Protein backbone atom coordinates (compact mmCIF):
# COMPACT_ATOMS: atom_id res chain seq x y z
CA MET A 1 14.60 -149.98 120.99
CA GLY A 2 18.33 -150.50 121.43
CA ASN A 3 20.13 -153.52 122.73
CA ASP A 4 21.04 -153.02 126.38
CA LYS A 5 23.47 -156.00 126.53
CA GLN A 6 27.09 -155.10 126.96
CA PRO A 7 29.70 -156.95 124.89
CA THR A 8 31.28 -159.84 126.77
CA ALA A 9 34.97 -159.48 127.43
CA ALA A 10 37.04 -161.92 125.39
CA ARG A 11 38.64 -164.71 127.32
CA PRO A 12 42.38 -164.04 127.57
CA ARG A 13 44.36 -166.39 125.39
CA GLY A 14 47.81 -167.74 126.07
CA GLY A 15 50.72 -167.21 123.71
CA GLY A 16 50.62 -170.80 122.44
CA GLU A 17 46.88 -170.65 121.73
CA ARG A 18 47.25 -167.34 119.89
CA LEU A 19 50.08 -168.74 117.80
CA ALA A 20 48.08 -171.86 116.93
CA ARG A 21 45.05 -169.72 116.01
CA TRP A 22 47.19 -167.43 113.85
CA ALA A 23 48.83 -170.37 112.03
CA GLY A 24 45.51 -172.18 111.57
CA VAL A 25 43.89 -169.15 109.92
CA ARG A 26 46.87 -168.34 107.68
CA LEU A 27 47.55 -171.91 106.60
CA GLY A 28 43.91 -172.84 106.22
CA THR A 29 44.25 -175.88 108.48
CA ARG A 30 42.18 -174.71 111.42
CA GLY A 31 39.07 -176.70 110.58
CA LEU A 32 41.05 -179.73 109.49
CA THR A 33 43.12 -179.71 112.68
CA ARG A 34 40.02 -179.47 114.86
CA ALA A 35 38.39 -182.36 112.99
CA VAL A 36 41.48 -184.54 113.37
CA LEU A 37 41.89 -183.75 117.06
CA ARG A 38 38.27 -184.73 117.68
CA ARG A 39 38.69 -188.14 116.05
CA ALA A 40 38.52 -191.09 118.41
CA PHE A 41 41.49 -193.45 118.54
CA PRO A 42 41.31 -196.84 120.28
CA ASP A 43 43.38 -197.10 123.43
CA HIS A 44 44.94 -200.56 123.64
CA TRP A 45 48.38 -201.55 124.89
CA SER A 46 49.32 -203.36 121.67
CA PHE A 47 49.07 -200.10 119.69
CA LEU A 48 51.99 -198.80 121.74
CA LEU A 49 54.34 -201.14 119.87
CA GLY A 50 54.31 -198.78 116.91
CA GLU A 51 55.08 -195.85 119.17
CA ILE A 52 58.12 -197.67 120.54
CA CYS A 53 59.47 -197.75 116.97
CA LEU A 54 58.80 -194.05 116.43
CA TYR A 55 60.33 -192.86 119.69
CA SER A 56 63.37 -195.13 119.56
CA PHE A 57 63.99 -193.75 116.06
CA VAL A 58 63.90 -190.23 117.51
CA VAL A 59 66.53 -191.30 120.06
CA LEU A 60 68.56 -192.83 117.23
CA VAL A 61 68.51 -189.59 115.25
CA LEU A 62 69.42 -187.38 118.21
CA THR A 63 72.25 -189.60 119.43
CA GLY A 64 73.42 -190.21 115.86
CA VAL A 65 73.74 -186.48 115.20
CA TYR A 66 75.86 -186.15 118.34
CA LEU A 67 78.13 -189.02 117.26
CA THR A 68 78.70 -187.62 113.76
CA PHE A 69 80.47 -184.60 115.30
CA TYR A 70 83.29 -186.87 116.51
CA PHE A 71 83.28 -189.96 114.27
CA HIS A 72 85.70 -190.08 111.31
CA PRO A 73 84.48 -192.52 108.61
CA SER A 74 87.90 -193.26 107.17
CA SER A 75 90.06 -196.37 106.71
CA GLN A 76 93.28 -194.37 106.86
CA GLN A 77 95.78 -195.96 109.24
CA VAL A 78 96.89 -193.95 112.29
CA VAL A 79 98.76 -194.75 115.50
CA TYR A 80 96.47 -194.95 118.51
CA ASP A 81 97.59 -192.57 121.26
CA GLY A 82 94.48 -192.39 123.41
CA SER A 83 93.84 -193.04 127.08
CA TYR A 84 93.26 -196.81 126.73
CA SER A 85 96.78 -198.01 127.44
CA PRO A 86 96.51 -201.68 126.21
CA LEU A 87 96.07 -200.44 122.63
CA ARG A 88 98.39 -197.46 122.79
CA GLY A 89 100.96 -197.43 119.99
CA GLN A 90 99.07 -199.85 117.74
CA LEU A 91 98.23 -199.12 114.14
CA VAL A 92 94.45 -198.66 113.79
CA SER A 93 92.05 -197.11 111.31
CA ASP A 94 90.87 -193.55 111.75
CA ALA A 95 87.32 -194.88 112.29
CA PHE A 96 88.42 -197.11 115.16
CA ASP A 97 90.55 -194.33 116.65
CA SER A 98 87.60 -191.90 116.63
CA THR A 99 85.33 -194.56 118.16
CA MET A 100 87.83 -195.00 121.00
CA HIS A 101 88.03 -191.21 121.34
CA ILE A 102 84.23 -191.00 121.67
CA SER A 103 84.21 -193.78 124.26
CA PHE A 104 86.99 -192.48 126.53
CA GLU A 105 87.71 -188.82 125.85
CA VAL A 106 84.42 -187.18 124.78
CA ARG A 107 82.26 -186.11 127.73
CA GLY A 108 79.24 -188.41 127.76
CA GLY A 109 80.43 -190.07 124.57
CA LEU A 110 80.23 -193.65 125.82
CA LEU A 111 76.72 -193.08 127.17
CA ILE A 112 75.54 -191.62 123.85
CA ARG A 113 77.23 -194.38 121.83
CA GLN A 114 75.68 -197.12 123.93
CA ALA A 115 72.29 -195.37 123.89
CA HIS A 116 72.51 -195.27 120.10
CA HIS A 117 73.23 -199.00 119.95
CA TRP A 118 70.49 -199.91 122.44
CA ALA A 119 67.99 -197.69 120.62
CA ALA A 120 68.79 -199.54 117.41
CA LEU A 121 68.05 -202.88 119.06
CA VAL A 122 64.81 -201.56 120.56
CA PHE A 123 63.81 -200.02 117.22
CA VAL A 124 64.10 -203.29 115.29
CA ALA A 125 62.51 -205.27 118.14
CA GLY A 126 59.58 -202.84 118.22
CA LEU A 127 59.21 -203.11 114.45
CA LEU A 128 59.14 -206.90 114.54
CA ALA A 129 56.62 -206.90 117.39
CA HIS A 130 54.48 -204.33 115.56
CA VAL A 131 54.57 -206.30 112.30
CA MET A 132 53.61 -209.52 114.09
CA ARG A 133 50.77 -207.72 115.93
CA VAL A 134 49.42 -206.56 112.58
CA PHE A 135 49.82 -210.09 111.20
CA PHE A 136 48.11 -211.93 114.04
CA THR A 137 45.15 -209.51 114.26
CA GLY A 138 44.55 -209.21 110.51
CA ALA A 139 45.15 -205.46 110.51
CA PHE A 140 46.66 -205.81 107.04
CA ARG A 141 43.30 -206.32 105.33
CA LYS A 142 41.66 -203.75 103.07
CA PRO A 143 42.08 -200.75 103.22
CA ARG A 144 45.39 -201.12 105.09
CA GLU A 145 47.48 -203.07 102.58
CA LEU A 146 49.79 -200.07 102.15
CA ASN A 147 50.19 -199.84 105.94
CA TRP A 148 51.44 -203.42 105.90
CA VAL A 149 53.87 -202.78 103.04
CA VAL A 150 55.27 -199.70 104.79
CA ALA A 151 55.69 -201.54 108.11
CA PHE A 152 57.37 -204.49 106.40
CA LEU A 153 59.77 -202.22 104.50
CA LEU A 154 60.57 -200.42 107.76
CA LEU A 155 61.54 -203.75 109.32
CA VAL A 156 63.86 -204.60 106.44
CA LEU A 157 65.39 -201.11 106.38
CA GLY A 158 65.86 -201.19 110.15
CA MET A 159 67.85 -204.41 109.85
CA PHE A 160 70.10 -202.93 107.15
CA ALA A 161 70.52 -199.73 109.15
CA GLY A 162 71.73 -201.81 112.07
CA LEU A 163 74.08 -203.80 109.84
CA THR A 164 75.71 -200.70 108.34
CA GLY A 165 76.06 -199.01 111.72
CA TYR A 166 77.39 -202.17 113.37
CA ASP A 167 80.34 -202.25 110.93
CA LEU A 168 81.37 -198.59 111.20
CA PRO A 169 83.72 -198.80 114.24
CA ASP A 170 86.08 -201.09 112.26
CA ASP A 171 86.81 -203.30 115.26
CA LEU A 172 87.62 -207.00 115.03
CA LEU A 173 84.04 -208.08 115.78
CA SER A 174 82.49 -205.94 113.05
CA GLY A 175 85.26 -206.96 110.65
CA THR A 176 84.37 -210.60 111.22
CA GLY A 177 80.82 -209.76 110.25
CA LEU A 178 82.09 -208.00 107.12
CA ALA A 179 83.94 -211.16 106.12
CA VAL A 180 80.64 -213.03 106.32
CA VAL A 181 78.94 -210.34 104.22
CA ASN A 182 81.69 -210.57 101.62
CA GLY A 183 81.46 -214.36 101.46
CA THR A 184 77.70 -214.18 101.01
CA LEU A 185 78.04 -211.65 98.20
CA LEU A 186 80.67 -213.75 96.44
CA SER A 187 78.33 -216.76 96.50
CA LEU A 188 75.88 -214.98 94.19
CA PRO A 189 76.23 -216.32 90.65
CA ILE A 190 77.53 -213.94 87.97
CA VAL A 191 77.02 -210.66 89.90
CA GLY A 192 78.61 -211.61 93.23
CA THR A 193 82.15 -210.56 92.38
CA TYR A 194 81.02 -207.22 90.96
CA LEU A 195 78.89 -206.46 94.04
CA SER A 196 81.82 -207.22 96.34
CA MET A 197 84.18 -205.03 94.32
CA PHE A 198 81.67 -202.17 94.33
CA LEU A 199 80.93 -202.42 98.06
CA PHE A 200 84.53 -202.64 99.23
CA GLY A 201 86.06 -200.41 96.55
CA GLY A 202 88.30 -203.17 95.25
CA GLU A 203 89.60 -206.43 96.63
CA TYR A 204 88.35 -207.26 100.12
CA PRO A 205 88.70 -205.54 102.57
CA GLY A 206 89.34 -202.46 100.43
CA ASN A 207 89.54 -198.86 101.62
CA ASP A 208 86.12 -197.41 100.77
CA LEU A 209 83.76 -199.58 102.79
CA ILE A 210 83.58 -197.42 105.93
CA ALA A 211 82.92 -194.24 103.96
CA ARG A 212 80.23 -195.94 101.87
CA PHE A 213 78.58 -197.61 104.85
CA ASN A 214 78.65 -194.27 106.66
CA THR A 215 76.81 -192.62 103.76
CA LEU A 216 74.20 -195.38 103.79
CA HIS A 217 73.88 -195.37 107.58
CA VAL A 218 73.79 -191.62 108.14
CA LEU A 219 72.02 -190.29 105.05
CA LEU A 220 70.22 -192.72 102.77
CA ILE A 221 68.65 -195.29 105.12
CA PRO A 222 67.54 -192.76 107.81
CA ALA A 223 65.94 -190.61 105.10
CA LEU A 224 64.02 -193.61 103.76
CA ILE A 225 62.98 -194.65 107.29
CA ALA A 226 61.80 -191.12 108.10
CA ALA A 227 59.79 -191.00 104.86
CA LEU A 228 58.20 -194.38 105.58
CA LEU A 229 57.38 -193.38 109.17
CA ALA A 230 55.73 -190.20 107.90
CA ALA A 231 53.78 -192.27 105.37
CA GLN A 232 52.71 -194.69 108.12
CA VAL A 233 51.44 -191.86 110.32
CA ALA A 234 49.63 -190.25 107.37
CA LEU A 235 47.97 -193.53 106.41
CA SER A 236 46.90 -194.08 110.01
CA LEU A 237 45.19 -190.67 110.01
CA VAL A 238 43.53 -191.22 106.64
CA HIS A 239 41.93 -194.56 107.46
CA ARG A 240 39.47 -195.20 110.24
CA PRO A 241 41.39 -196.71 113.19
CA ALA A 242 41.19 -200.49 113.48
CA GLN A 243 39.97 -201.73 116.86
CA TYR A 244 39.34 -204.92 118.77
CA PRO A 245 35.76 -206.19 119.23
CA GLY A 246 33.96 -204.68 122.19
CA PRO A 247 30.88 -202.79 123.36
CA GLY A 248 29.85 -200.09 120.90
CA ARG A 249 32.59 -201.00 118.43
CA THR A 250 31.49 -201.78 114.91
CA GLU A 251 32.78 -201.35 111.37
CA ARG A 252 31.27 -197.85 111.39
CA THR A 253 31.84 -196.64 114.97
CA VAL A 254 35.09 -196.18 116.89
CA VAL A 255 35.39 -196.18 120.66
CA GLY A 256 38.49 -194.55 122.10
CA LEU A 257 40.20 -191.37 123.19
CA PRO A 258 40.26 -188.10 121.24
CA LEU A 259 43.50 -187.60 119.35
CA GLY A 260 44.41 -184.60 121.52
CA VAL A 261 44.23 -186.68 124.69
CA ARG A 262 46.04 -189.53 122.92
CA LEU A 263 48.88 -187.20 121.95
CA VAL A 264 49.34 -186.04 125.54
CA LYS A 265 49.65 -189.64 126.68
CA SER A 266 51.98 -190.31 123.77
CA VAL A 267 54.37 -187.55 124.85
CA GLY A 268 54.66 -189.20 128.24
CA TYR A 269 55.31 -192.49 126.54
CA PHE A 270 58.15 -190.88 124.55
CA PHE A 271 59.91 -189.94 127.77
CA LEU A 272 59.33 -193.45 129.10
CA VAL A 273 60.89 -195.07 126.01
CA SER A 274 63.85 -192.69 125.86
CA GLY A 275 64.40 -193.02 129.61
CA THR A 276 64.45 -196.80 129.31
CA VAL A 277 66.99 -196.63 126.48
CA PHE A 278 69.32 -194.36 128.44
CA LEU A 279 68.90 -196.50 131.56
CA LEU A 280 70.04 -199.53 129.55
CA ALA A 281 72.93 -197.49 128.15
CA SER A 282 74.06 -196.49 131.65
CA VAL A 283 73.91 -199.92 133.33
CA ALA A 284 74.34 -202.51 130.51
CA GLN A 285 77.55 -202.45 128.50
CA ILE A 286 77.20 -203.13 124.78
CA ASN A 287 79.76 -203.42 121.97
CA PRO A 288 82.97 -202.74 123.95
CA VAL A 289 85.24 -202.27 120.92
CA TRP A 290 88.34 -201.85 123.09
CA ASN A 291 88.06 -205.50 124.10
CA TYR A 292 88.01 -206.65 120.47
CA GLY A 293 90.75 -204.41 119.14
CA PRO A 294 91.12 -203.05 115.60
CA TYR A 295 90.13 -205.15 112.62
CA ARG A 296 92.76 -207.18 110.80
CA ALA A 297 91.87 -209.22 107.74
CA ASP A 298 93.99 -212.16 108.92
CA GLN A 299 92.22 -212.48 112.29
CA VAL A 300 88.76 -213.59 113.39
CA SER A 301 87.15 -212.64 116.69
CA ALA A 302 86.39 -215.69 118.83
CA GLY A 303 82.82 -216.05 120.08
CA SER A 304 81.51 -213.44 117.65
CA GLN A 305 77.76 -213.05 117.25
CA PRO A 306 75.87 -210.35 115.35
CA ASP A 307 73.03 -208.33 116.79
CA TRP A 308 69.93 -210.45 117.33
CA TYR A 309 68.03 -209.31 114.24
CA MET A 310 70.83 -210.54 111.93
CA GLY A 311 71.19 -213.77 113.91
CA VAL A 312 68.83 -215.61 111.57
CA ALA A 313 71.22 -215.06 108.64
CA ASP A 314 74.33 -215.97 110.65
CA GLY A 315 72.64 -219.03 112.13
CA LEU A 316 71.64 -220.37 108.72
CA LEU A 317 75.18 -219.86 107.46
CA ARG A 318 76.70 -221.69 110.43
CA VAL A 319 74.56 -224.80 110.22
CA MET A 320 74.63 -225.17 106.45
CA PRO A 321 76.90 -228.01 105.27
CA GLY A 322 79.86 -226.99 103.12
CA TRP A 323 78.29 -227.94 99.80
CA GLU A 324 79.77 -226.78 96.53
CA VAL A 325 79.04 -227.56 92.90
CA SER A 326 81.84 -227.29 90.32
CA ALA A 327 81.16 -227.39 86.59
CA TRP A 328 82.80 -225.95 83.48
CA GLY A 329 85.52 -224.27 85.51
CA HIS A 330 83.12 -222.47 87.85
CA THR A 331 82.19 -223.16 91.47
CA LEU A 332 78.76 -222.54 92.96
CA ALA A 333 79.05 -222.05 96.74
CA LEU A 334 75.80 -223.59 97.96
CA ASP A 335 76.90 -223.25 101.60
CA ASN A 336 76.33 -219.50 101.26
CA LEU A 337 73.79 -219.31 98.46
CA ILE A 338 71.20 -221.63 100.04
CA PRO A 339 71.13 -219.83 103.46
CA LEU A 340 70.86 -216.49 101.64
CA THR A 341 67.96 -217.80 99.54
CA VAL A 342 66.19 -219.29 102.58
CA GLY A 343 66.59 -216.07 104.59
CA VAL A 344 65.25 -213.90 101.77
CA GLY A 345 62.42 -216.37 101.19
CA LEU A 346 61.54 -216.31 104.89
CA PHE A 347 60.93 -212.56 104.85
CA ALA A 348 59.38 -212.59 101.39
CA ALA A 349 56.80 -215.12 102.59
CA LEU A 350 55.91 -212.90 105.54
CA GLY A 351 55.55 -209.84 103.32
CA ALA A 352 53.43 -211.62 100.71
CA TYR A 353 51.07 -213.48 103.05
CA PRO A 354 48.39 -210.74 103.40
CA PHE A 355 47.98 -210.58 99.63
CA LEU A 356 47.86 -214.37 99.41
CA GLU A 357 45.13 -214.48 102.05
CA ALA A 358 43.10 -211.80 100.26
CA TRP A 359 43.37 -213.78 97.02
CA VAL A 360 42.33 -217.04 98.69
CA THR A 361 39.33 -215.57 100.53
CA GLY A 362 38.26 -213.27 97.70
CA ASP A 363 37.24 -210.74 100.35
CA ARG A 364 37.31 -207.23 98.90
CA ARG A 365 35.45 -205.50 101.72
CA SER A 366 36.94 -202.90 104.05
CA HIS A 367 37.67 -204.21 107.55
CA HIS A 368 38.02 -201.98 110.62
CA MET A 369 37.56 -204.68 113.28
CA LEU A 370 40.61 -206.67 114.29
CA ASP A 371 40.66 -210.44 114.62
CA ARG A 372 41.30 -212.22 117.87
CA PRO A 373 44.21 -214.55 116.99
CA ARG A 374 42.32 -217.59 118.27
CA ASN A 375 39.61 -217.03 115.65
CA ARG A 376 42.12 -217.48 112.81
CA PRO A 377 43.90 -220.69 113.90
CA VAL A 378 45.83 -221.39 110.70
CA ARG A 379 47.08 -217.83 110.28
CA THR A 380 48.11 -217.71 113.95
CA ALA A 381 49.86 -221.07 113.65
CA LEU A 382 51.74 -219.93 110.53
CA GLY A 383 52.94 -216.78 112.31
CA ALA A 384 54.07 -218.78 115.34
CA ALA A 385 55.90 -221.26 113.09
CA TRP A 386 57.64 -218.33 111.33
CA LEU A 387 58.80 -216.97 114.67
CA SER A 388 59.98 -220.42 115.80
CA PHE A 389 62.09 -220.81 112.65
CA TYR A 390 63.64 -217.41 113.38
CA ALA A 391 64.33 -218.45 116.98
CA VAL A 392 65.98 -221.76 116.01
CA ALA A 393 68.19 -219.99 113.47
CA LEU A 394 69.12 -217.48 116.18
CA VAL A 395 70.21 -220.38 118.38
CA GLY A 396 72.38 -221.59 115.52
CA ALA A 397 74.15 -218.21 115.48
CA ALA A 398 75.37 -218.95 119.01
CA ASN A 399 76.34 -222.61 118.49
CA ASP A 400 79.93 -222.04 119.64
CA ILE A 401 78.90 -220.13 122.77
CA ILE A 402 76.28 -222.77 123.65
CA ALA A 403 78.82 -225.55 123.19
CA LEU A 404 81.34 -223.71 125.38
CA ARG A 405 78.94 -222.83 128.20
CA PHE A 406 77.17 -226.19 128.36
CA HIS A 407 80.28 -228.30 127.67
CA VAL A 408 78.86 -230.07 124.65
CA SER A 409 80.13 -230.65 121.14
CA VAL A 410 79.74 -227.90 118.57
CA ASN A 411 78.76 -230.57 116.06
CA ALA A 412 76.00 -231.77 118.38
CA VAL A 413 74.59 -228.24 118.66
CA THR A 414 74.86 -227.74 114.90
CA TRP A 415 73.02 -230.98 114.12
CA ALA A 416 70.36 -230.16 116.72
CA VAL A 417 69.78 -226.81 115.02
CA ARG A 418 69.66 -228.43 111.59
CA GLY A 419 66.97 -230.81 112.75
CA GLY A 420 65.18 -228.08 114.68
CA LEU A 421 64.83 -225.91 111.57
CA PHE A 422 62.58 -228.60 110.08
CA VAL A 423 60.95 -230.11 113.16
CA VAL A 424 60.31 -227.15 115.50
CA PRO A 425 58.18 -225.03 113.08
CA ALA A 426 56.01 -228.07 112.25
CA VAL A 427 55.50 -228.89 115.93
CA VAL A 428 54.81 -225.25 116.82
CA PHE A 429 52.30 -224.99 113.97
CA TRP A 430 50.40 -228.06 115.21
CA LEU A 431 50.45 -226.99 118.86
CA VAL A 432 49.38 -223.39 118.23
CA LYS A 433 46.60 -224.49 115.88
CA ARG A 434 45.27 -226.95 118.46
CA TRP A 435 45.58 -224.30 121.16
CA ALA A 436 43.58 -221.78 119.12
CA LEU A 437 40.90 -224.37 118.37
CA GLY A 438 40.72 -225.22 122.07
CA LEU A 439 40.21 -221.57 122.93
CA GLN A 440 37.50 -221.32 120.29
CA ARG A 441 35.78 -224.37 121.74
CA ARG A 442 35.93 -222.84 125.22
CA ASP A 443 34.42 -219.60 123.90
CA ARG A 444 31.59 -221.55 122.28
CA GLU A 445 30.84 -223.40 125.51
CA GLU A 446 30.94 -220.14 127.44
CA VAL A 447 28.47 -218.53 125.05
CA LEU A 448 26.06 -221.46 125.16
CA HIS A 449 26.24 -222.29 128.85
CA GLY A 450 27.53 -219.17 130.58
CA ARG A 451 30.51 -218.53 132.80
CA GLU A 452 31.57 -221.14 135.36
CA THR A 453 31.11 -219.75 138.87
CA GLY A 454 32.73 -222.57 140.85
CA VAL A 455 29.55 -223.00 142.89
CA ILE A 456 28.35 -226.62 143.15
CA LYS A 457 24.62 -227.20 143.62
CA ARG A 458 22.84 -230.43 144.47
CA LEU A 459 19.61 -231.08 142.60
CA PRO A 460 16.52 -232.64 144.30
CA HIS A 461 17.24 -236.04 142.72
CA GLY A 462 20.79 -236.04 144.10
CA GLU A 463 22.80 -234.90 141.06
CA PHE A 464 25.57 -232.34 141.60
CA VAL A 465 25.90 -229.60 138.99
CA GLU A 466 27.98 -226.47 138.68
CA VAL A 467 26.14 -223.18 138.57
CA HIS A 468 26.78 -221.12 135.42
CA GLU A 469 26.30 -217.38 135.26
CA PRO A 470 24.87 -215.87 132.04
CA LEU A 471 27.27 -213.69 130.10
CA SER A 472 26.71 -210.00 129.66
CA ARG A 473 25.68 -208.78 126.22
CA GLU A 474 29.05 -207.03 125.89
CA ARG A 475 30.94 -210.27 126.51
CA LEU A 476 28.66 -212.15 124.13
CA TYR A 477 29.42 -209.61 121.43
CA VAL A 478 33.18 -210.02 121.87
CA LEU A 479 32.92 -213.81 121.62
CA THR A 480 30.59 -213.92 118.62
CA ALA A 481 31.41 -210.81 116.56
CA HIS A 482 34.00 -212.52 114.34
CA GLU A 483 33.16 -213.72 110.85
CA GLN A 484 33.91 -217.28 109.76
CA TYR A 485 34.81 -217.80 106.11
CA GLU A 486 33.64 -220.71 104.02
CA PRO A 487 36.18 -222.57 101.86
CA PHE A 488 36.33 -221.49 98.24
CA ALA A 489 34.18 -223.79 96.12
CA ILE A 490 34.93 -224.53 92.48
CA GLU A 491 31.84 -223.59 90.49
CA ALA A 492 30.61 -225.66 87.60
CA LYS A 493 31.15 -222.82 85.15
CA ASN A 494 34.88 -222.82 86.01
CA THR A 495 35.27 -226.45 84.99
CA GLY A 496 35.86 -227.07 81.34
CA ALA A 497 36.44 -230.28 79.48
CA GLY A 498 39.71 -230.83 81.28
CA GLY A 499 38.46 -229.71 84.68
CA PRO A 500 39.38 -226.52 86.56
CA ASP A 501 42.67 -224.83 85.76
CA VAL A 502 45.73 -225.06 87.98
CA VAL A 503 45.21 -221.63 89.57
CA THR A 504 41.61 -222.42 90.53
CA ARG A 505 42.59 -225.77 92.03
CA LEU A 506 45.42 -224.14 93.97
CA ARG A 507 43.11 -221.47 95.34
CA ALA A 508 40.56 -224.08 96.39
CA ARG A 509 43.21 -226.18 98.13
CA LEU A 510 44.65 -223.19 100.00
CA SER A 511 41.15 -222.11 100.97
CA ARG A 512 40.43 -225.54 102.45
CA GLY A 513 43.71 -225.35 104.32
CA LEU A 514 42.80 -221.99 105.86
CA TYR A 515 39.07 -222.39 106.50
CA GLY A 516 38.14 -225.98 105.73
CA GLN A 517 37.20 -228.82 108.03
CA GLY A 518 39.26 -228.95 111.22
CA THR A 519 40.49 -225.35 110.95
CA GLN A 520 37.78 -223.57 112.97
CA ILE A 521 35.08 -224.30 115.53
CA ARG A 522 31.62 -223.28 114.37
CA LYS A 523 30.41 -220.42 116.51
CA PRO A 524 26.88 -220.53 117.98
CA THR A 525 24.11 -219.66 115.56
CA PRO A 526 21.35 -217.16 116.42
CA GLU A 527 18.94 -220.11 116.71
CA GLU A 528 21.16 -221.80 119.32
CA LEU A 529 21.44 -218.57 121.26
CA GLU A 530 17.69 -218.05 121.14
CA GLN A 531 17.08 -221.48 122.66
CA ILE A 532 19.03 -220.39 125.74
CA ASP A 533 17.81 -216.80 125.97
CA PRO A 534 15.34 -215.39 123.42
CA ARG A 535 16.97 -211.95 123.79
CA GLN A 536 20.37 -213.24 122.64
CA GLY A 537 19.17 -214.49 119.28
CA ARG A 538 18.16 -211.05 118.14
C-alpha cells in the first residue's frame, strides 16, 4: 500500500539565511554555530562595560583610518598657509600643518578628529571600569586568569595608544608632554640615555619621533589591541559565563539570554556608544591645537595637563620633591625615577593581585559565580584605596589650575596632594571596609529576622514592635550563597626545628589579613535558619 501523503513544500528562505546555511555546510561550522547561539549569557548592566571598550575601539579604527588619509607624520618644517589667520606665515612642522588642514579645510575633518580623541578617552575609561568590575566581583578566579591578564594588558596598551596619538599633532601642548617623557626616560640609570636617543632619533627633540610614534600608534599598538580583544572574546565563549547570585543560578547552570538575542541587543548598544561619541565630538571641543600653536623646544605651554589616564604619572612627577643623588661623577634623578617606580608599581600591584589571592587562599576550584563586593571587604577596600590613590595623583596633575581657579598657593596644593597620597588611601580603605562589614551585618539581620515593613504593632502587654516580613527563598539565596574562607592555618608538619619558613608565615599573615577576625561577618548557619523556619535550613 503506497503512501498517500504529499511532500510538504519547503519554507522559502531569505538570501541571508541561504548564505548562512551554505557557509555553515561548507565550513563545517553549522552545528558549532547553532550550539554557541543557543548558549545562555547573563544579562546584567555591568557586563556592558566590556562592550563599551569594544565599540569605542571600532569607532577609533574607523575614524583613525579616515585621519590617516590626510595626516602627514613628518617633522619637516613648512610655512603654514592655511585658513587660520593667526598662525599664517609661521614655520610649523608638516604634522602640525596637516592637523590644521584636517581641522579647517577637510570636510568633516574636525568632527572626525574630535570623535577619535573622545573615543580614545571612552575606550580607556571603559577598560578601567571593566577591569575594576572584574576585580571587585572576583571574576578573575579560575578558570578566568587569562581573561584578567588580557584585560589588564588592554588597559596598559590603551594608555600607551593614547600617549602616542596625543603627541602626533606636534603642537605646544603635546610637545610639553614629550619633554616630560624625555625627562622620565633620562632618569633611568644606565639605559635612560640610550632609550631617549632611540626614541627621538638623536638629541631631544630629534626629527624621527613623529614618524616612530605614528608607526606605533597606527600599526603596532592597534594590532596588539585587536589581537587581545579577539582573545578576550574567544575566552569568553570558551568558558561558562560568570554570573551574579540569583534564582536558578549555580556553578553548573546559567540564567540569561541566548547569544543570538544578546547579539541583537549588542548591535543596538554599538549605535548607542558610537552616537554618544559623535555627540560629544559635535558639542564638546577637545584638543584645539590652533590655540596652543606649533611646538618649540624652548617654550612650555601654560596650564598643560595630559589626558586623564596619564594624569597619575604627571601628578606624581609634579608633587615629587627635586631630590638628586650625585656620586662618582654620576647623578641619579630621584625626582623622576621615584614617581616612575611608584606608577609602575601601582599597576603591577593591580595586575598581580588575583594571583596573590589565589596563592593565599589555596583555592584551585573553578568559580562561575561572582562575588558581591560587600562579601569580600578587604579586597573591596584595597580596590577602593587603589582608585583613591589614582584620584589624588590626578588632582596633583592639575595643581597649577586648582591654585589659579581657587586663588590658593601652588605649594599649598602640592603639599596637600603629597599628604593625600599617604592619608587618603588609608582612610578610604578603613571606610570601605567598615561599610562592607556594615552591609554584611545588615544582610545577616535581614536573613534572620526578615525585611522591615515599617508597620508598628502593639503587643498585648504594651510593647511596640516592628513587623518583619519573611524573605523569599530567592532573596535568601542571594544573601547566603557566598562562601566564606577560613584563614590559612600553619600545620604542625610544616614546622621544623626552627619553626615555619618565611613563605609559610607570610602566607598565614596575609590570609589572616584577608579572612581573619574582623574581616567578615559570619553568615547565618543552616541551624540558625532552621530555628526561624524549618524549611530554610534545608
